Amino acid sequence: MKLSIYVCESCGKTSVPKRLICPACKSTNFTTKELEGEGKVYSFTKINVSSVEFKHLTPYYVVLVDLPTGERITGRTLDDIQIDDTLQLVDVDNGAYIWAKG
C-alpha cells in the first residue's frame, strides 16, 4: 500500500500527515509524494488492556515507524515486533496507520 507524504514547496520539509502550515517556513503550499508503505520499528509498546473501542484488538502494539524519508509516524500492529523490524503499511483505519511485519 502506498503512503502519502507532503512536501513543502518553499523549503522541502516533509510532513505526515498533511499540515496546513509548514512548521519550518510557514508556507501553505505543499505537494504530495507517494512512497511505498514500508518502514522500520523505532519503538513500540504492547497494549494488553485498552478502552472499549479497541478491546477486540487486544493485545496489540502501538508503534513508532521510521520512514525512509526520515519521518517518524505512529501506528498500530497486531504482529509481535522488535526494534528495527521492517513493517509494511496494510491499511489506514480512520486516520490510523495499520502495519504488518514485512
C-alpha atoms as a PDB file:
ATOM      1  CA  MET A   1       0.000   0.000   0.000  1.00  0.00           C
ATOM      2  CA  LYS A   2       1.245   3.477  -0.842  1.00  0.00           C
ATOM      3  CA  LEU A   3       1.775   6.178   1.777  1.00  0.00           C
ATOM      4  CA  SER A   4       1.357   9.876   1.030  1.00  0.00           C
ATOM      5  CA  ILE A   5       3.840  12.362   2.424  1.00  0.00           C
ATOM      6  CA  TYR A   6       3.545  16.093   1.966  1.00  0.00           C
ATOM      7  CA  VAL A   7       6.469  18.224   0.836  1.00  0.00           C
ATOM      8  CA  CYS A   8       6.603  21.977   1.442  1.00  0.00           C
ATOM      9  CA  GLU A   9       7.112  23.696  -1.908  1.00  0.00           C
ATOM     10  CA  SER A  10       9.098  26.510  -0.281  1.00  0.00           C
ATOM     11  CA  CYS A  11      11.632  24.709   1.920  1.00  0.00           C
ATOM     12  CA  GLY A  12      11.268  20.991   1.137  1.00  0.00           C
ATOM     13  CA  LYS A  13      10.340  19.887   4.674  1.00  0.00           C
ATOM     14  CA  THR A  14       8.247  16.720   4.652  1.00  0.00           C
ATOM     15  CA  SER A  15       5.199  16.047   6.801  1.00  0.00           C
ATOM     16  CA  VAL A  16       2.957  13.111   7.627  1.00  0.00           C
ATOM     17  CA  PRO A  17       0.059  13.746   7.998  1.00  0.00           C
ATOM     18  CA  LYS A  18      -0.610  16.831   5.916  1.00  0.00           C
ATOM     19  CA  ARG A  19      -0.268  20.171   7.696  1.00  0.00           C
ATOM     20  CA  LEU A  20      -1.971  23.432   6.900  1.00  0.00           C
ATOM     21  CA  ILE A  21       1.211  25.437   7.550  1.00  0.00           C
ATOM     22  CA  CYS A  22       4.830  24.321   7.235  1.00  0.00           C
ATOM     23  CA  PRO A  23       6.423  24.358  10.713  1.00  0.00           C
ATOM     24  CA  ALA A  24       9.796  25.311   9.221  1.00  0.00           C
ATOM     25  CA  CYS A  25       8.951  28.242   6.935  1.00  0.00           C
ATOM     26  CA  LYS A  26       5.210  28.959   7.458  1.00  0.00           C
ATOM     27  CA  SER A  27       4.353  28.298   3.805  1.00  0.00           C
ATOM     28  CA  THR A  28       0.911  26.920   2.986  1.00  0.00           C
ATOM     29  CA  ASN A  29       1.918  25.296  -0.324  1.00  0.00           C
ATOM     30  CA  PHE A  30       2.504  21.541  -0.316  1.00  0.00           C
ATOM     31  CA  THR A  31       2.876  18.841  -2.942  1.00  0.00           C
ATOM     32  CA  THR A  32       2.061  15.184  -2.400  1.00  0.00           C
ATOM     33  CA  LYS A  33       4.654  12.443  -2.833  1.00  0.00           C
ATOM     34  CA  GLU A  34       3.717   8.757  -2.854  1.00  0.00           C
ATOM     35  CA  LEU A  35       6.028   6.274  -1.123  1.00  0.00           C
ATOM     36  CA  GLU A  36       5.997   2.535  -0.762  1.00  0.00           C
ATOM     37  CA  GLY A  37       4.397   1.954   2.625  1.00  0.00           C
ATOM     38  CA  GLU A  38       7.443   0.492   4.320  1.00  0.00           C
ATOM     39  CA  GLY A  39       9.347   1.471   7.427  1.00  0.00           C
ATOM     40  CA  LYS A  40      11.359   0.233  10.401  1.00  0.00           C
ATOM     41  CA  VAL A  41      10.247  -0.072  14.004  1.00  0.00           C
ATOM     42  CA  TYR A  42      11.808   2.709  16.080  1.00  0.00           C
ATOM     43  CA  SER A  43       9.891   1.994  19.292  1.00  0.00           C
ATOM     44  CA  PHE A  44       6.716   0.288  20.455  1.00  0.00           C
ATOM     45  CA  THR A  45       4.546  -0.569  23.419  1.00  0.00           C
ATOM     46  CA  LYS A  46       2.268  -3.560  23.823  1.00  0.00           C
ATOM     47  CA  ILE A  47      -1.317  -2.797  24.835  1.00  0.00           C
ATOM     48  CA  ASN A  48      -2.888  -5.614  26.849  1.00  0.00           C
ATOM     49  CA  VAL A  49      -5.795  -3.665  28.366  1.00  0.00           C
ATOM     50  CA  SER A  50      -7.473  -0.992  26.280  1.00  0.00           C
ATOM     51  CA  SER A  51     -10.520   1.203  26.006  1.00  0.00           C
ATOM     52  CA  VAL A  52     -13.797  -0.356  24.921  1.00  0.00           C
ATOM     53  CA  GLU A  53     -13.408   0.696  21.274  1.00  0.00           C
ATOM     54  CA  PHE A  54     -10.111  -1.224  20.892  1.00  0.00           C
ATOM     55  CA  LYS A  55     -10.838  -4.142  23.241  1.00  0.00           C
ATOM     56  CA  HIS A  56     -11.436  -6.507  20.303  1.00  0.00           C
ATOM     57  CA  LEU A  57      -7.853  -5.861  19.121  1.00  0.00           C
ATOM     58  CA  THR A  58      -6.019  -6.629  22.372  1.00  0.00           C
ATOM     59  CA  PRO A  59      -3.281  -7.414  22.633  1.00  0.00           C
ATOM     60  CA  TYR A  60      -1.918  -5.008  20.034  1.00  0.00           C
ATOM     61  CA  TYR A  61       1.115  -2.768  19.637  1.00  0.00           C
ATOM     62  CA  VAL A  62       1.318   0.988  19.276  1.00  0.00           C
ATOM     63  CA  VAL A  63       4.388   1.511  17.131  1.00  0.00           C
ATOM     64  CA  LEU A  64       6.638   4.370  16.017  1.00  0.00           C
ATOM     65  CA  VAL A  65       7.770   3.700  12.451  1.00  0.00           C
ATOM     66  CA  ASP A  66      10.729   5.401  10.762  1.00  0.00           C
ATOM     67  CA  LEU A  67      10.086   6.037   7.072  1.00  0.00           C
ATOM     68  CA  PRO A  68      12.933   6.076   4.510  1.00  0.00           C
ATOM     69  CA  THR A  69      12.428   9.862   4.142  1.00  0.00           C
ATOM     70  CA  GLY A  70      13.228  10.441   7.824  1.00  0.00           C
ATOM     71  CA  GLU A  71       9.671  10.985   9.011  1.00  0.00           C
ATOM     72  CA  ARG A  72       8.556   9.076  12.099  1.00  0.00           C
ATOM     73  CA  ILE A  73       4.876   8.162  12.327  1.00  0.00           C
ATOM     74  CA  THR A  74       2.659   6.383  14.820  1.00  0.00           C
ATOM     75  CA  GLY A  75       0.520   3.386  14.005  1.00  0.00           C
ATOM     76  CA  ARG A  76      -0.558   0.029  15.320  1.00  0.00           C
ATOM     77  CA  THR A  77       0.016  -3.624  14.542  1.00  0.00           C
ATOM     78  CA  LEU A  78      -1.202  -6.983  15.796  1.00  0.00           C
ATOM     79  CA  ASP A  79       2.110  -8.683  14.931  1.00  0.00           C
ATOM     80  CA  ASP A  80       4.783  -9.436  17.528  1.00  0.00           C
ATOM     81  CA  ILE A  81       7.545  -6.957  16.710  1.00  0.00           C
ATOM     82  CA  GLN A  82      11.046  -5.933  17.744  1.00  0.00           C
ATOM     83  CA  ILE A  83      13.122  -2.782  17.261  1.00  0.00           C
ATOM     84  CA  ASP A  84      14.375  -2.482  13.636  1.00  0.00           C
ATOM     85  CA  ASP A  85      11.797  -4.930  12.227  1.00  0.00           C
ATOM     86  CA  THR A  86      10.581  -3.976   8.763  1.00  0.00           C
ATOM     87  CA  LEU A  87       6.867  -3.210   8.568  1.00  0.00           C
ATOM     88  CA  GLN A  88       4.521  -2.814   5.612  1.00  0.00           C
ATOM     89  CA  LEU A  89       1.571  -0.442   5.627  1.00  0.00           C
ATOM     90  CA  VAL A  90      -1.566  -2.538   5.105  1.00  0.00           C
ATOM     91  CA  ASP A  91      -4.419  -0.137   5.884  1.00  0.00           C
ATOM     92  CA  VAL A  92      -5.403   3.295   7.124  1.00  0.00           C
ATOM     93  CA  ASP A  93      -8.290   2.969   9.566  1.00  0.00           C
ATOM     94  CA  ASN A  94      -9.969   6.266  10.437  1.00  0.00           C
ATOM     95  CA  GLY A  95      -6.630   8.079  10.160  1.00  0.00           C
ATOM     96  CA  ALA A  96      -4.627   5.379  11.994  1.00  0.00           C
ATOM     97  CA  TYR A  97      -1.828   3.655  10.086  1.00  0.00           C
ATOM     98  CA  ILE A  98      -2.078  -0.140  10.346  1.00  0.00           C
ATOM     99  CA  TRP A  99       1.181  -2.050   9.877  1.00  0.00           C
ATOM    100  CA  ALA A 100       2.152  -5.705   9.430  1.00  0.00           C
ATOM    101  CA  LYS A 101       5.523  -7.417   9.533  1.00  0.00           C
ATOM    102  CA  GLY A 102       7.059  -7.460   6.098  1.00  0.00           C
END
